[in-house]
PDB file of N, CA and C in Angstrom:
ATOM      1  N   MET A   1     -16.325  -8.312  -7.861  1.00  0.00           N
ATOM      2  CA  MET A   1     -17.634  -7.754  -7.691  1.00  0.00           C
ATOM      3  C   MET A   1     -17.663  -6.385  -8.343  1.00  0.00           C
ATOM      4  N   SER A   2     -18.697  -6.076  -9.010  1.00  0.00           N
ATOM      5  CA  SER A   2     -18.841  -4.808  -9.695  1.00  0.00           C
ATOM      6  C   SER A   2     -18.954  -3.660  -8.705  1.00  0.00           C
ATOM      7  N   GLN A   3     -18.528  -2.483  -9.111  1.00  0.00           N
ATOM      8  CA  GLN A   3     -18.681  -1.316  -8.257  1.00  0.00           C
ATOM      9  C   GLN A   3     -20.141  -0.932  -8.113  1.00  0.00           C
ATOM     10  N   ALA A   4     -20.979  -1.355  -9.029  1.00  0.00           N
ATOM     11  CA  ALA A   4     -22.392  -1.003  -8.973  1.00  0.00           C
ATOM     12  C   ALA A   4     -23.138  -1.768  -7.896  1.00  0.00           C
ATOM     13  N   LEU A   5     -22.565  -2.839  -7.385  1.00  0.00           N
ATOM     14  CA  LEU A   5     -23.216  -3.639  -6.354  1.00  0.00           C
ATOM     15  C   LEU A   5     -22.175  -3.987  -5.315  1.00  0.00           C
ATOM     16  N   SER A   6     -22.352  -3.478  -4.114  1.00  0.00           N
ATOM     17  CA  SER A   6     -21.369  -3.784  -3.077  1.00  0.00           C
ATOM     18  C   SER A   6     -22.043  -4.375  -1.864  1.00  0.00           C
ATOM     19  N   ASN A   7     -21.311  -5.225  -1.193  1.00  0.00           N
ATOM     20  CA  ASN A   7     -21.803  -5.964  -0.047  1.00  0.00           C
ATOM     21  C   ASN A   7     -21.334  -5.262   1.211  1.00  0.00           C
ATOM     22  N   HIS A   8     -22.269  -4.817   2.040  1.00  0.00           N
ATOM     23  CA  HIS A   8     -21.908  -4.081   3.240  1.00  0.00           C
ATOM     24  C   HIS A   8     -21.984  -4.910   4.503  1.00  0.00           C
ATOM     25  N   SER A   9     -22.078  -6.208   4.397  1.00  0.00           N
ATOM     26  CA  SER A   9     -22.191  -7.040   5.588  1.00  0.00           C
ATOM     27  C   SER A   9     -21.039  -8.020   5.656  1.00  0.00           C
ATOM     28  N   ALA A  10     -20.326  -7.951   6.738  1.00  0.00           N
ATOM     29  CA  ALA A  10     -19.299  -8.960   6.988  1.00  0.00           C
ATOM     30  C   ALA A  10     -19.962 -10.092   7.759  1.00  0.00           C
ATOM     31  N   PRO A  11     -19.504 -11.324   7.574  1.00  0.00           N
ATOM     32  CA  PRO A  11     -20.113 -12.428   8.311  1.00  0.00           C
ATOM     33  C   PRO A  11     -20.001 -12.207   9.818  1.00  0.00           C
ATOM     34  N   VAL A  12     -21.156 -12.020  10.444  1.00  0.00           N
ATOM     35  CA  VAL A  12     -21.209 -11.740  11.876  1.00  0.00           C
ATOM     36  C   VAL A  12     -22.337 -12.535  12.484  1.00  0.00           C
ATOM     37  N   GLU A  13     -22.128 -12.996  13.677  1.00  0.00           N
ATOM     38  CA  GLU A  13     -23.198 -13.681  14.401  1.00  0.00           C
ATOM     39  C   GLU A  13     -23.373 -12.986  15.731  1.00  0.00           C
ATOM     40  N   THR A  14     -24.585 -12.567  16.027  1.00  0.00           N
ATOM     41  CA  THR A  14     -24.883 -12.000  17.334  1.00  0.00           C
ATOM     42  C   THR A  14     -25.986 -12.827  17.957  1.00  0.00           C
ATOM     43  N   THR A  15     -26.026 -12.823  19.253  1.00  0.00           N
ATOM     44  CA  THR A  15     -26.998 -13.660  19.943  1.00  0.00           C
ATOM     45  C   THR A  15     -27.808 -12.818  20.909  1.00  0.00           C
ATOM     46  N   ARG A  16     -29.095 -13.051  20.942  1.00  0.00           N
ATOM     47  CA  ARG A  16     -29.985 -12.465  21.928  1.00  0.00           C
ATOM     48  C   ARG A  16     -30.729 -13.623  22.565  1.00  0.00           C
ATOM     49  N   ALA A  17     -31.382 -13.347  23.660  1.00  0.00           N
ATOM     50  CA  ALA A  17     -32.074 -14.423  24.376  1.00  0.00           C
ATOM     51  C   ALA A  17     -33.110 -15.111  23.503  1.00  0.00           C
ATOM     52  N   SER A  18     -33.875 -14.345  22.720  1.00  0.00           N
ATOM     53  CA  SER A  18     -34.964 -14.939  21.952  1.00  0.00           C
ATOM     54  C   SER A  18     -34.646 -15.142  20.480  1.00  0.00           C
ATOM     55  N   GLU A  19     -33.531 -14.571  20.005  1.00  0.00           N
ATOM     56  CA  GLU A  19     -33.183 -14.757  18.598  1.00  0.00           C
ATOM     57  C   GLU A  19     -31.675 -14.801  18.396  1.00  0.00           C
ATOM     58  N   ARG A  20     -31.316 -15.456  17.321  1.00  0.00           N
ATOM     59  CA  ARG A  20     -29.911 -15.592  16.925  1.00  0.00           C
ATOM     60  C   ARG A  20     -29.780 -15.008  15.528  1.00  0.00           C
ATOM     61  N   ARG A  21     -28.962 -13.975  15.363  1.00  0.00           N
ATOM     62  CA  ARG A  21     -28.801 -13.298  14.078  1.00  0.00           C
ATOM     63  C   ARG A  21     -27.567 -13.821  13.361  1.00  0.00           C
ATOM     64  N   LEU A  22     -27.752 -14.149  12.088  1.00  0.00           N
ATOM     65  CA  LEU A  22     -26.668 -14.674  11.261  1.00  0.00           C
ATOM     66  C   LEU A  22     -26.586 -13.892   9.957  1.00  0.00           C
ATOM     67  N   THR A  23     -25.384 -13.797   9.415  1.00  0.00           N
ATOM     68  CA  THR A  23     -25.193 -13.209   8.093  1.00  0.00           C
ATOM     69  C   THR A  23     -25.029 -14.366   7.120  1.00  0.00           C
ATOM     70  N   PRO A  24     -25.999 -14.547   6.208  1.00  0.00           N
ATOM     71  CA  PRO A  24     -25.921 -15.709   5.322  1.00  0.00           C
ATOM     72  C   PRO A  24     -24.826 -15.557   4.266  1.00  0.00           C
ATOM     73  N   PRO A  25     -24.227 -16.673   3.868  1.00  0.00           N
ATOM     74  CA  PRO A  25     -23.268 -16.601   2.763  1.00  0.00           C
ATOM     75  C   PRO A  25     -23.999 -16.302   1.459  1.00  0.00           C
ATOM     76  N   VAL A  26     -23.380 -15.499   0.606  1.00  0.00           N
ATOM     77  CA  VAL A  26     -23.990 -15.159  -0.679  1.00  0.00           C
ATOM     78  C   VAL A  26     -22.959 -15.273  -1.791  1.00  0.00           C
ATOM     79  N   ASP A  27     -23.462 -15.476  -2.996  1.00  0.00           N
ATOM     80  CA  ASP A  27     -22.680 -15.372  -4.215  1.00  0.00           C
ATOM     81  C   ASP A  27     -23.338 -14.287  -5.046  1.00  0.00           C
ATOM     82  N   ILE A  28     -22.527 -13.439  -5.660  1.00  0.00           N
ATOM     83  CA  ILE A  28     -23.046 -12.358  -6.505  1.00  0.00           C
ATOM     84  C   ILE A  28     -22.404 -12.501  -7.876  1.00  0.00           C
ATOM     85  N   PHE A  29     -23.258 -12.510  -8.895  1.00  0.00           N
ATOM     86  CA  PHE A  29     -22.792 -12.634 -10.277  1.00  0.00           C
ATOM     87  C   PHE A  29     -23.274 -11.422 -11.060  1.00  0.00           C
ATOM     88  N   GLU A  30     -22.420 -10.899 -11.911  1.00  0.00           N
ATOM     89  CA  GLU A  30     -22.822  -9.822 -12.806  1.00  0.00           C
ATOM     90  C   GLU A  30     -22.953 -10.387 -14.207  1.00  0.00           C
ATOM     91  N   THR A  31     -24.053 -10.055 -14.865  1.00  0.00           N
ATOM     92  CA  THR A  31     -24.269 -10.440 -16.253  1.00  0.00           C
ATOM     93  C   THR A  31     -24.410  -9.161 -17.075  1.00  0.00           C
ATOM     94  N   SER A  32     -24.524  -9.293 -18.368  1.00  0.00           N
ATOM     95  CA  SER A  32     -24.711  -8.097 -19.196  1.00  0.00           C
ATOM     96  C   SER A  32     -26.062  -7.437 -18.906  1.00  0.00           C
ATOM     97  N   GLU A  33     -27.017  -8.217 -18.426  1.00  0.00           N
ATOM     98  CA  GLU A  33     -28.358  -7.693 -18.138  1.00  0.00           C
ATOM     99  C   GLU A  33     -28.503  -7.130 -16.725  1.00  0.00           C
ATOM    100  N   GLY A  34     -27.684  -7.619 -15.782  1.00  0.00           N
ATOM    101  CA  GLY A  34     -27.839  -7.163 -14.412  1.00  0.00           C
ATOM    102  C   GLY A  34     -27.018  -7.967 -13.438  1.00  0.00           C
ATOM    103  N   PHE A  35     -27.611  -8.237 -12.282  1.00  0.00           N
ATOM    104  CA  PHE A  35     -26.933  -8.950 -11.208  1.00  0.00           C
ATOM    105  C   PHE A  35     -27.802 -10.091 -10.707  1.00  0.00           C
ATOM    106  N   VAL A  36     -27.151 -11.133 -10.217  1.00  0.00           N
ATOM    107  CA  VAL A  36     -27.840 -12.253  -9.578  1.00  0.00           C
ATOM    108  C   VAL A  36     -27.202 -12.427  -8.211  1.00  0.00           C
ATOM    109  N   ILE A  37     -28.031 -12.427  -7.179  1.00  0.00           N
ATOM    110  CA  ILE A  37     -27.576 -12.645  -5.809  1.00  0.00           C
ATOM    111  C   ILE A  37     -28.162 -13.968  -5.361  1.00  0.00           C
ATOM    112  N   VAL A  38     -27.320 -14.864  -4.877  1.00  0.00           N
ATOM    113  CA  VAL A  38     -27.765 -16.173  -4.398  1.00  0.00           C
ATOM    114  C   VAL A  38     -27.369 -16.268  -2.930  1.00  0.00           C
ATOM    115  N   ALA A  39     -28.370 -16.417  -2.055  1.00  0.00           N
ATOM    116  CA  ALA A  39     -28.121 -16.456  -0.611  1.00  0.00           C
ATOM    117  C   ALA A  39     -28.651 -17.755  -0.025  1.00  0.00           C
ATOM    118  N   ASP A  40     -27.876 -18.341   0.875  1.00  0.00           N
ATOM    119  CA  ASP A  40     -28.311 -19.550   1.577  1.00  0.00           C
ATOM    120  C   ASP A  40     -29.126 -19.154   2.796  1.00  0.00           C
ATOM    121  N   LEU A  41     -30.390 -19.594   2.822  1.00  0.00           N
ATOM    122  CA  LEU A  41     -31.285 -19.327   3.949  1.00  0.00           C
ATOM    123  C   LEU A  41     -31.922 -20.639   4.404  1.00  0.00           C
ATOM    124  N   PRO A  42     -31.134 -21.555   4.958  1.00  0.00           N
ATOM    125  CA  PRO A  42     -31.681 -22.864   5.323  1.00  0.00           C
ATOM    126  C   PRO A  42     -32.771 -22.758   6.384  1.00  0.00           C
ATOM    127  N   GLY A  43     -33.849 -23.487   6.158  1.00  0.00           N
ATOM    128  CA  GLY A  43     -34.949 -23.532   7.116  1.00  0.00           C
ATOM    129  C   GLY A  43     -35.945 -22.398   7.003  1.00  0.00           C
ATOM    130  N   VAL A  44     -35.699 -21.441   6.108  1.00  0.00           N
ATOM    131  CA  VAL A  44     -36.604 -20.294   5.960  1.00  0.00           C
ATOM    132  C   VAL A  44     -37.716 -20.644   4.977  1.00  0.00           C
ATOM    133  N   ALA A  45     -38.962 -20.408   5.389  1.00  0.00           N
ATOM    134  CA  ALA A  45     -40.119 -20.606   4.516  1.00  0.00           C
ATOM    135  C   ALA A  45     -40.342 -19.335   3.692  1.00  0.00           C
ATOM    136  N   PRO A  46     -41.021 -19.436   2.541  1.00  0.00           N
ATOM    137  CA  PRO A  46     -41.254 -18.247   1.712  1.00  0.00           C
ATOM    138  C   PRO A  46     -41.885 -17.083   2.478  1.00  0.00           C
ATOM    139  N   GLU A  47     -42.789 -17.383   3.406  1.00  0.00           N
ATOM    140  CA  GLU A  47     -43.435 -16.295   4.157  1.00  0.00           C
ATOM    141  C   GLU A  47     -42.482 -15.669   5.185  1.00  0.00           C
ATOM    142  N   GLY A  48     -41.336 -16.284   5.416  1.00  0.00           N
ATOM    143  CA  GLY A  48     -40.351 -15.744   6.344  1.00  0.00           C
ATOM    144  C   GLY A  48     -39.276 -14.904   5.685  1.00  0.00           C
ATOM    145  N   VAL A  49     -39.361 -14.723   4.357  1.00  0.00           N
ATOM    146  CA  VAL A  49     -38.350 -13.969   3.606  1.00  0.00           C
ATOM    147  C   VAL A  49     -38.853 -12.563   3.319  1.00  0.00           C
ATOM    148  N   SER A  50     -37.948 -11.607   3.427  1.00  0.00           N
ATOM    149  CA  SER A  50     -38.262 -10.220   3.082  1.00  0.00           C
ATOM    150  C   SER A  50     -37.130  -9.682   2.214  1.00  0.00           C
ATOM    151  N   VAL A  51     -37.494  -9.121   1.056  1.00  0.00           N
ATOM    152  CA  VAL A  51     -36.531  -8.451   0.177  1.00  0.00           C
ATOM    153  C   VAL A  51     -37.084  -7.057  -0.054  1.00  0.00           C
ATOM    154  N   GLU A  52     -36.343  -6.045   0.380  1.00  0.00           N
ATOM    155  CA  GLU A  52     -36.804  -4.659   0.267  1.00  0.00           C
ATOM    156  C   GLU A  52     -35.739  -3.809  -0.400  1.00  0.00           C
ATOM    157  N   TYR A  53     -36.186  -2.924  -1.285  1.00  0.00           N
ATOM    158  CA  TYR A  53     -35.272  -1.981  -1.922  1.00  0.00           C
ATOM    159  C   TYR A  53     -35.611  -0.590  -1.416  1.00  0.00           C
ATOM    160  N   ASN A  54     -34.655   0.008  -0.732  1.00  0.00           N
ATOM    161  CA  ASN A  54     -34.783   1.371  -0.244  1.00  0.00           C
ATOM    162  C   ASN A  54     -33.507   2.073  -0.689  1.00  0.00           C
ATOM    163  N   PRO A  55     -33.573   2.797  -1.823  1.00  0.00           N
ATOM    164  CA  PRO A  55     -32.357   3.330  -2.436  1.00  0.00           C
ATOM    165  C   PRO A  55     -31.436   3.983  -1.412  1.00  0.00           C
ATOM    166  N   PRO A  56     -30.175   3.661  -1.474  1.00  0.00           N
ATOM    167  CA  PRO A  56     -29.471   2.847  -2.461  1.00  0.00           C
ATOM    168  C   PRO A  56     -29.284   1.388  -2.036  1.00  0.00           C
ATOM    169  N   GLU A  57     -30.022   0.916  -1.005  1.00  0.00           N
ATOM    170  CA  GLU A  57     -29.775  -0.421  -0.479  1.00  0.00           C
ATOM    171  C   GLU A  57     -30.855  -1.439  -0.812  1.00  0.00           C
ATOM    172  N   LEU A  58     -30.390  -2.677  -0.993  1.00  0.00           N
ATOM    173  CA  LEU A  58     -31.264  -3.840  -1.102  1.00  0.00           C
ATOM    174  C   LEU A  58     -31.074  -4.605   0.204  1.00  0.00           C
ATOM    175  N   HIS A  59     -32.154  -4.794   0.948  1.00  0.00           N
ATOM    176  CA  HIS A  59     -32.096  -5.451   2.255  1.00  0.00           C
ATOM    177  C   HIS A  59     -32.776  -6.808   2.148  1.00  0.00           C
ATOM    178  N   VAL A  60     -32.054  -7.859   2.543  1.00  0.00           N
ATOM    179  CA  VAL A  60     -32.562  -9.220   2.483  1.00  0.00           C
ATOM    180  C   VAL A  60     -32.579  -9.773   3.901  1.00  0.00           C
ATOM    181  N   SER A  61     -33.719 -10.352   4.296  1.00  0.00           N
ATOM    182  CA  SER A  61     -33.774 -10.996   5.609  1.00  0.00           C
ATOM    183  C   SER A  61     -34.646 -12.238   5.526  1.00  0.00           C
ATOM    184  N   GLY A  62     -34.363 -13.158   6.404  1.00  0.00           N
ATOM    185  CA  GLY A  62     -35.129 -14.394   6.491  1.00  0.00           C
ATOM    186  C   GLY A  62     -35.230 -14.814   7.936  1.00  0.00           C
ATOM    187  N   ARG A  63     -36.375 -15.340   8.314  1.00  0.00           N
ATOM    188  CA  ARG A  63     -36.631 -15.703   9.703  1.00  0.00           C
ATOM    189  C   ARG A  63     -37.065 -17.160   9.790  1.00  0.00           C
ATOM    190  N   VAL A  64     -36.390 -17.904  10.681  1.00  0.00           N
ATOM    191  CA  VAL A  64     -36.767 -19.284  10.972  1.00  0.00           C
ATOM    192  C   VAL A  64     -37.343 -19.279  12.375  1.00  0.00           C
ATOM    193  N   ASN A  65     -38.644 -19.501  12.481  1.00  0.00           N
ATOM    194  CA  ASN A  65     -39.272 -19.516  13.798  1.00  0.00           C
ATOM    195  C   ASN A  65     -39.043 -20.870  14.432  1.00  0.00           C
ATOM    196  N   ALA A  66     -38.240 -20.857  15.463  1.00  0.00           N
ATOM    197  CA  ALA A  66     -37.896 -22.091  16.167  1.00  0.00           C
ATOM    198  C   ALA A  66     -38.883 -22.341  17.297  1.00  0.00           C
ATOM    199  N   GLU A  67     -38.919 -23.580  17.716  1.00  0.00           N
ATOM    200  CA  GLU A  67     -39.765 -23.928  18.845  1.00  0.00           C
ATOM    201  C   GLU A  67     -39.060 -23.515  20.132  1.00  0.00           C
ATOM    202  N   SER A  68     -39.821 -23.058  21.109  1.00  0.00           N
ATOM    203  CA  SER A  68     -39.224 -22.714  22.406  1.00  0.00           C
ATOM    204  C   SER A  68     -38.613 -23.965  22.988  1.00  0.00           C
ATOM    205  N   PRO A  69     -37.528 -23.909  23.662  1.00  0.00           N
ATOM    206  CA  PRO A  69     -36.747 -22.758  24.105  1.00  0.00           C
ATOM    207  C   PRO A  69     -35.662 -22.342  23.116  1.00  0.00           C
ATOM    208  N   LYS A  70     -35.633 -22.919  21.925  1.00  0.00           N
ATOM    209  CA  LYS A  70     -34.618 -22.535  20.939  1.00  0.00           C
ATOM    210  C   LYS A  70     -34.870 -21.104  20.469  1.00  0.00           C
ATOM    211  N   PRO A  71     -33.791 -20.354  20.213  1.00  0.00           N
ATOM    212  CA  PRO A  71     -33.976 -18.995  19.706  1.00  0.00           C
ATOM    213  C   PRO A  71     -34.393 -18.998  18.235  1.00  0.00           C
ATOM    214  N   THR A  72     -35.069 -17.952  17.825  1.00  0.00           N
ATOM    215  CA  THR A  72     -35.438 -17.764  16.428  1.00  0.00           C
ATOM    216  C   THR A  72     -34.186 -17.380  15.647  1.00  0.00           C
ATOM    217  N   LEU A  73     -33.969 -18.001  14.496  1.00  0.00           N
ATOM    218  CA  LEU A  73     -32.846 -17.637  13.629  1.00  0.00           C
ATOM    219  C   LEU A  73     -33.269 -16.507  12.711  1.00  0.00           C
ATOM    220  N   VAL A  74     -32.446 -15.487  12.599  1.00  0.00           N
ATOM    221  CA  VAL A  74     -32.710 -14.358  11.710  1.00  0.00           C
ATOM    222  C   VAL A  74     -31.482 -14.163  10.830  1.00  0.00           C
ATOM    223  N   TYR A  75     -31.670 -14.325   9.518  1.00  0.00           N
ATOM    224  CA  TYR A  75     -30.603 -14.074   8.545  1.00  0.00           C
ATOM    225  C   TYR A  75     -30.795 -12.663   8.012  1.00  0.00           C
ATOM    226  N   GLU A  76     -29.698 -11.925   7.854  1.00  0.00           N
ATOM    227  CA  GLU A  76     -29.832 -10.558   7.354  1.00  0.00           C
ATOM    228  C   GLU A  76     -28.592 -10.151   6.573  1.00  0.00           C
ATOM    229  N   ARG A  77     -28.836  -9.469   5.432  1.00  0.00           N
ATOM    230  CA  ARG A  77     -27.737  -8.999   4.585  1.00  0.00           C
ATOM    231  C   ARG A  77     -28.203  -7.743   3.851  1.00  0.00           C
ATOM    232  N   ARG A  78     -27.306  -6.793   3.668  1.00  0.00           N
ATOM    233  CA  ARG A  78     -27.607  -5.557   2.935  1.00  0.00           C
ATOM    234  C   ARG A  78     -26.595  -5.376   1.812  1.00  0.00           C
ATOM    235  N   PHE A  79     -27.079  -4.846   0.679  1.00  0.00           N
ATOM    236  CA  PHE A  79     -26.230  -4.599  -0.483  1.00  0.00           C
ATOM    237  C   PHE A  79     -26.508  -3.190  -0.984  1.00  0.00           C
ATOM    238  N   GLU A  80     -25.450  -2.465  -1.307  1.00  0.00           N
ATOM    239  CA  GLU A  80     -25.633  -1.148  -1.899  1.00  0.00           C
ATOM    240  C   GLU A  80     -25.679  -1.328  -3.409  1.00  0.00           C
ATOM    241  N   VAL A  81     -26.809  -1.008  -4.011  1.00  0.00           N
ATOM    242  CA  VAL A  81     -26.965  -1.195  -5.452  1.00  0.00           C
ATOM    243  C   VAL A  81     -26.976   0.119  -6.214  1.00  0.00           C
ATOM    244  N   GLY A  82     -27.028   1.224  -5.513  1.00  0.00           N
ATOM    245  CA  GLY A  82     -26.952   2.523  -6.157  1.00  0.00           C
ATOM    246  C   GLY A  82     -28.099   2.778  -7.118  1.00  0.00           C
ATOM    247  N   SER A  83     -27.830   3.636  -8.089  1.00  0.00           N
ATOM    248  CA  SER A  83     -28.872   4.020  -9.043  1.00  0.00           C
ATOM    249  C   SER A  83     -28.709   3.312 -10.381  1.00  0.00           C
ATOM    250  N   SER A  84     -27.853   2.307 -10.436  1.00  0.00           N
ATOM    251  CA  SER A  84     -27.576   1.636 -11.705  1.00  0.00           C
ATOM    252  C   SER A  84     -28.572   0.530 -12.030  1.00  0.00           C
ATOM    253  N   ILE A  85     -29.596   0.358 -11.202  1.00  0.00           N
ATOM    254  CA  ILE A  85     -30.547  -0.730 -11.432  1.00  0.00           C
ATOM    255  C   ILE A  85     -31.931  -0.193 -11.764  1.00  0.00           C
ATOM    256  N   ASP A  86     -32.741  -1.102 -12.292  1.00  0.00           N
ATOM    257  CA  ASP A  86     -34.147  -0.810 -12.558  1.00  0.00           C
ATOM    258  C   ASP A  86     -34.943  -1.395 -11.388  1.00  0.00           C
ATOM    259  N   PRO A  87     -35.410  -0.568 -10.449  1.00  0.00           N
ATOM    260  CA  PRO A  87     -36.084  -1.085  -9.252  1.00  0.00           C
ATOM    261  C   PRO A  87     -37.302  -1.960  -9.556  1.00  0.00           C
ATOM    262  N   SER A  88     -37.984  -1.693 -10.639  1.00  0.00           N
ATOM    263  CA  SER A  88     -39.184  -2.475 -10.973  1.00  0.00           C
ATOM    264  C   SER A  88     -38.837  -3.874 -11.478  1.00  0.00           C
ATOM    265  N   SER A  89     -37.554  -4.126 -11.727  1.00  0.00           N
ATOM    266  CA  SER A  89     -37.148  -5.420 -12.282  1.00  0.00           C
ATOM    267  C   SER A  89     -36.731  -6.433 -11.225  1.00  0.00           C
ATOM    268  N   ILE A  90     -36.681  -6.039  -9.956  1.00  0.00           N
ATOM    269  CA  ILE A  90     -36.175  -6.935  -8.918  1.00  0.00           C
ATOM    270  C   ILE A  90     -37.135  -8.108  -8.731  1.00  0.00           C
ATOM    271  N   GLU A  91     -36.598  -9.321  -8.843  1.00  0.00           N
ATOM    272  CA  GLU A  91     -37.387 -10.545  -8.663  1.00  0.00           C
ATOM    273  C   GLU A  91     -36.656 -11.454  -7.699  1.00  0.00           C
ATOM    274  N   ALA A  92     -37.412 -12.147  -6.840  1.00  0.00           N
ATOM    275  CA  ALA A  92     -36.803 -13.056  -5.873  1.00  0.00           C
ATOM    276  C   ALA A  92     -37.564 -14.371  -5.853  1.00  0.00           C
ATOM    277  N   GLU A  93     -36.800 -15.468  -5.690  1.00  0.00           N
ATOM    278  CA  GLU A  93     -37.391 -16.802  -5.634  1.00  0.00           C
ATOM    279  C   GLU A  93     -36.644 -17.611  -4.576  1.00  0.00           C
ATOM    280  N   LEU A  94     -37.406 -18.297  -3.720  1.00  0.00           N
ATOM    281  CA  LEU A  94     -36.824 -19.155  -2.698  1.00  0.00           C
ATOM    282  C   LEU A  94     -37.135 -20.600  -3.047  1.00  0.00           C
ATOM    283  N   LYS A  95     -36.084 -21.418  -3.112  1.00  0.00           N
ATOM    284  CA  LYS A  95     -36.268 -22.830  -3.435  1.00  0.00           C
ATOM    285  C   LYS A  95     -35.263 -23.649  -2.637  1.00  0.00           C
ATOM    286  N   ASN A  96     -35.761 -24.577  -1.832  1.00  0.00           N
ATOM    287  CA  ASN A  96     -34.910 -25.465  -1.038  1.00  0.00           C
ATOM    288  C   ASN A  96     -33.895 -24.712  -0.185  1.00  0.00           C
ATOM    289  N   GLY A  97     -34.318 -23.603   0.428  1.00  0.00           N
ATOM    290  CA  GLY A  97     -33.442 -22.848   1.310  1.00  0.00           C
ATOM    291  C   GLY A  97     -32.446 -21.942   0.608  1.00  0.00           C
ATOM    292  N   VAL A  98     -32.585 -21.784  -0.706  1.00  0.00           N
ATOM    293  CA  VAL A  98     -31.686 -20.916  -1.470  1.00  0.00           C
ATOM    294  C   VAL A  98     -32.524 -19.795  -2.093  1.00  0.00           C
ATOM    295  N   LEU A  99     -32.174 -18.559  -1.726  1.00  0.00           N
ATOM    296  CA  LEU A  99     -32.862 -17.385  -2.265  1.00  0.00           C
ATOM    297  C   LEU A  99     -32.073 -16.862  -3.457  1.00  0.00           C
ATOM    298  N   ARG A 100     -32.762 -16.691  -4.576  1.00  0.00           N
ATOM    299  CA  ARG A 100     -32.138 -16.171  -5.802  1.00  0.00           C
ATOM    300  C   ARG A 100     -32.832 -14.854  -6.151  1.00  0.00           C
ATOM    301  N   ILE A 101     -32.048 -13.787  -6.191  1.00  0.00           N
ATOM    302  CA  ILE A 101     -32.576 -12.458  -6.499  1.00  0.00           C
ATOM    303  C   ILE A 101     -31.962 -12.001  -7.815  1.00  0.00           C
ATOM    304  N   GLN A 102     -32.817 -11.584  -8.731  1.00  0.00           N
ATOM    305  CA  GLN A 102     -32.342 -11.052 -10.005  1.00  0.00           C
ATOM    306  C   GLN A 102     -32.653  -9.565 -10.051  1.00  0.00           C
ATOM    307  N   VAL A 103     -31.636  -8.789 -10.380  1.00  0.00           N
ATOM    308  CA  VAL A 103     -31.758  -7.337 -10.457  1.00  0.00           C
ATOM    309  C   VAL A 103     -31.232  -6.914 -11.818  1.00  0.00           C
ATOM    310  N   ARG A 104     -32.076  -6.262 -12.605  1.00  0.00           N
ATOM    311  CA  ARG A 104     -31.637  -5.807 -13.933  1.00  0.00           C
ATOM    312  C   ARG A 104     -31.021  -4.419 -13.843  1.00  0.00           C
ATOM    313  N   LYS A 105     -30.013  -4.193 -14.670  1.00  0.00           N
ATOM    314  CA  LYS A 105     -29.418  -2.862 -14.778  1.00  0.00           C
ATOM    315  C   LYS A 105     -30.422  -1.953 -15.478  1.00  0.00           C
ATOM    316  N   SER A 106     -30.323  -0.664 -15.220  1.00  0.00           N
ATOM    317  CA  SER A 106     -31.192   0.261 -15.935  1.00  0.00           C
ATOM    318  C   SER A 106     -30.849   0.188 -17.421  1.00  0.00           C
ATOM    319  N   ALA A 107     -31.827   0.466 -18.255  1.00  0.00           N
ATOM    320  CA  ALA A 107     -31.662   0.315 -19.710  1.00  0.00           C
ATOM    321  C   ALA A 107     -30.466   1.103 -20.236  1.00  0.00           C
ATOM    322  N   ALA A 108     -30.195   2.259 -19.663  1.00  0.00           N
ATOM    323  CA  ALA A 108     -29.090   3.090 -20.139  1.00  0.00           C
ATOM    324  C   ALA A 108     -27.738   2.432 -19.902  1.00  0.00           C
ATOM    325  N   LEU A 109     -27.649   1.509 -18.955  1.00  0.00           N
ATOM    326  CA  LEU A 109     -26.371   0.875 -18.631  1.00  0.00           C
ATOM    327  C   LEU A 109     -26.175  -0.487 -19.277  1.00  0.00           C
ATOM    328  N   ARG A 110     -27.239  -1.036 -19.862  1.00  0.00           N
ATOM    329  CA  ARG A 110     -27.110  -2.353 -20.498  1.00  0.00           C
ATOM    330  C   ARG A 110     -26.472  -2.216 -21.865  1.00  0.00           C
ATOM    331  N   PRO A 111     -25.632  -3.164 -22.231  1.00  0.00           N
ATOM    332  CA  PRO A 111     -25.051  -3.113 -23.574  1.00  0.00           C
ATOM    333  C   PRO A 111     -26.143  -3.314 -24.628  1.00  0.00           C
ATOM    334  N   ARG A 112     -25.989  -2.669 -25.734  1.00  0.00           N
ATOM    335  CA  ARG A 112     -26.945  -2.890 -26.823  1.00  0.00           C
ATOM    336  C   ARG A 112     -26.189  -2.913 -28.136  1.00  0.00           C
ATOM    337  N   ARG A 113     -26.749  -3.650 -29.060  1.00  0.00           N
ATOM    338  CA  ARG A 113     -26.132  -3.793 -30.368  1.00  0.00           C
ATOM    339  C   ARG A 113     -26.615  -2.658 -31.264  1.00  0.00           C
ATOM    340  N   ILE A 114     -25.694  -2.062 -31.985  1.00  0.00           N
ATOM    341  CA  ILE A 114     -26.012  -0.984 -32.900  1.00  0.00           C
ATOM    342  C   ILE A 114     -25.945  -1.544 -34.333  1.00  0.00           C
ATOM    343  N   ASP A 115     -27.055  -1.442 -35.025  1.00  0.00           N
ATOM    344  CA  ASP A 115     -27.085  -1.895 -36.422  1.00  0.00           C
ATOM    345  C   ASP A 115     -26.375  -0.864 -37.292  1.00  0.00           C
ATOM    346  N   VAL A 116     -25.548  -1.370 -38.187  1.00  0.00           N
ATOM    347  CA  VAL A 116     -24.805  -0.516 -39.115  1.00  0.00           C
ATOM    348  C   VAL A 116     -25.518  -0.559 -40.455  1.00  0.00           C
ATOM    349  N   LYS A 117     -25.841   0.617 -40.962  1.00  0.00           N
ATOM    350  CA  LYS A 117     -26.553   0.700 -42.243  1.00  0.00           C
ATOM    351  C   LYS A 117     -25.563   0.869 -43.367  1.00  0.00           C
ATOM    352  N   ALA A 118     -25.825   0.201 -44.465  1.00  0.00           N
ATOM    353  CA  ALA A 118     -24.972   0.339 -45.653  1.00  0.00           C
ATOM    354  C   ALA A 118     -25.488   1.518 -46.466  1.00  0.00           C
ATOM    355  N   SER A 119     -24.582   2.270 -47.023  1.00  0.00           N
ATOM    356  CA  SER A 119     -25.026   3.401 -47.843  1.00  0.00           C
ATOM    357  C   SER A 119     -24.513   3.290 -49.252  1.00  0.00           C
TER     358      SER A 119
END
């Protein structure tokens, strides 16, 4: 995992009377353009997902509203992304219980090709 993106959540499960909190498993990939975070959020509908960037953290949560008397499932994970990203580039998509978040590196940190001129 890159130093520019670190995971601050260890897999933990806590239980309350009305809700059950889980830390979802994630995969993090670094590309030349940025980072891709893939999180499993089974049973979460798009309206139950929240992705928030509050520097230096990216906070991901998902809520599955269960029928009584079952507790509500709450998935939660935080990542420290620092200042190496472009906050306006963060995109998230939920499909079949899998949340995919794309975060681009700031332009100054992305590799670029330098054209060599002949003289």
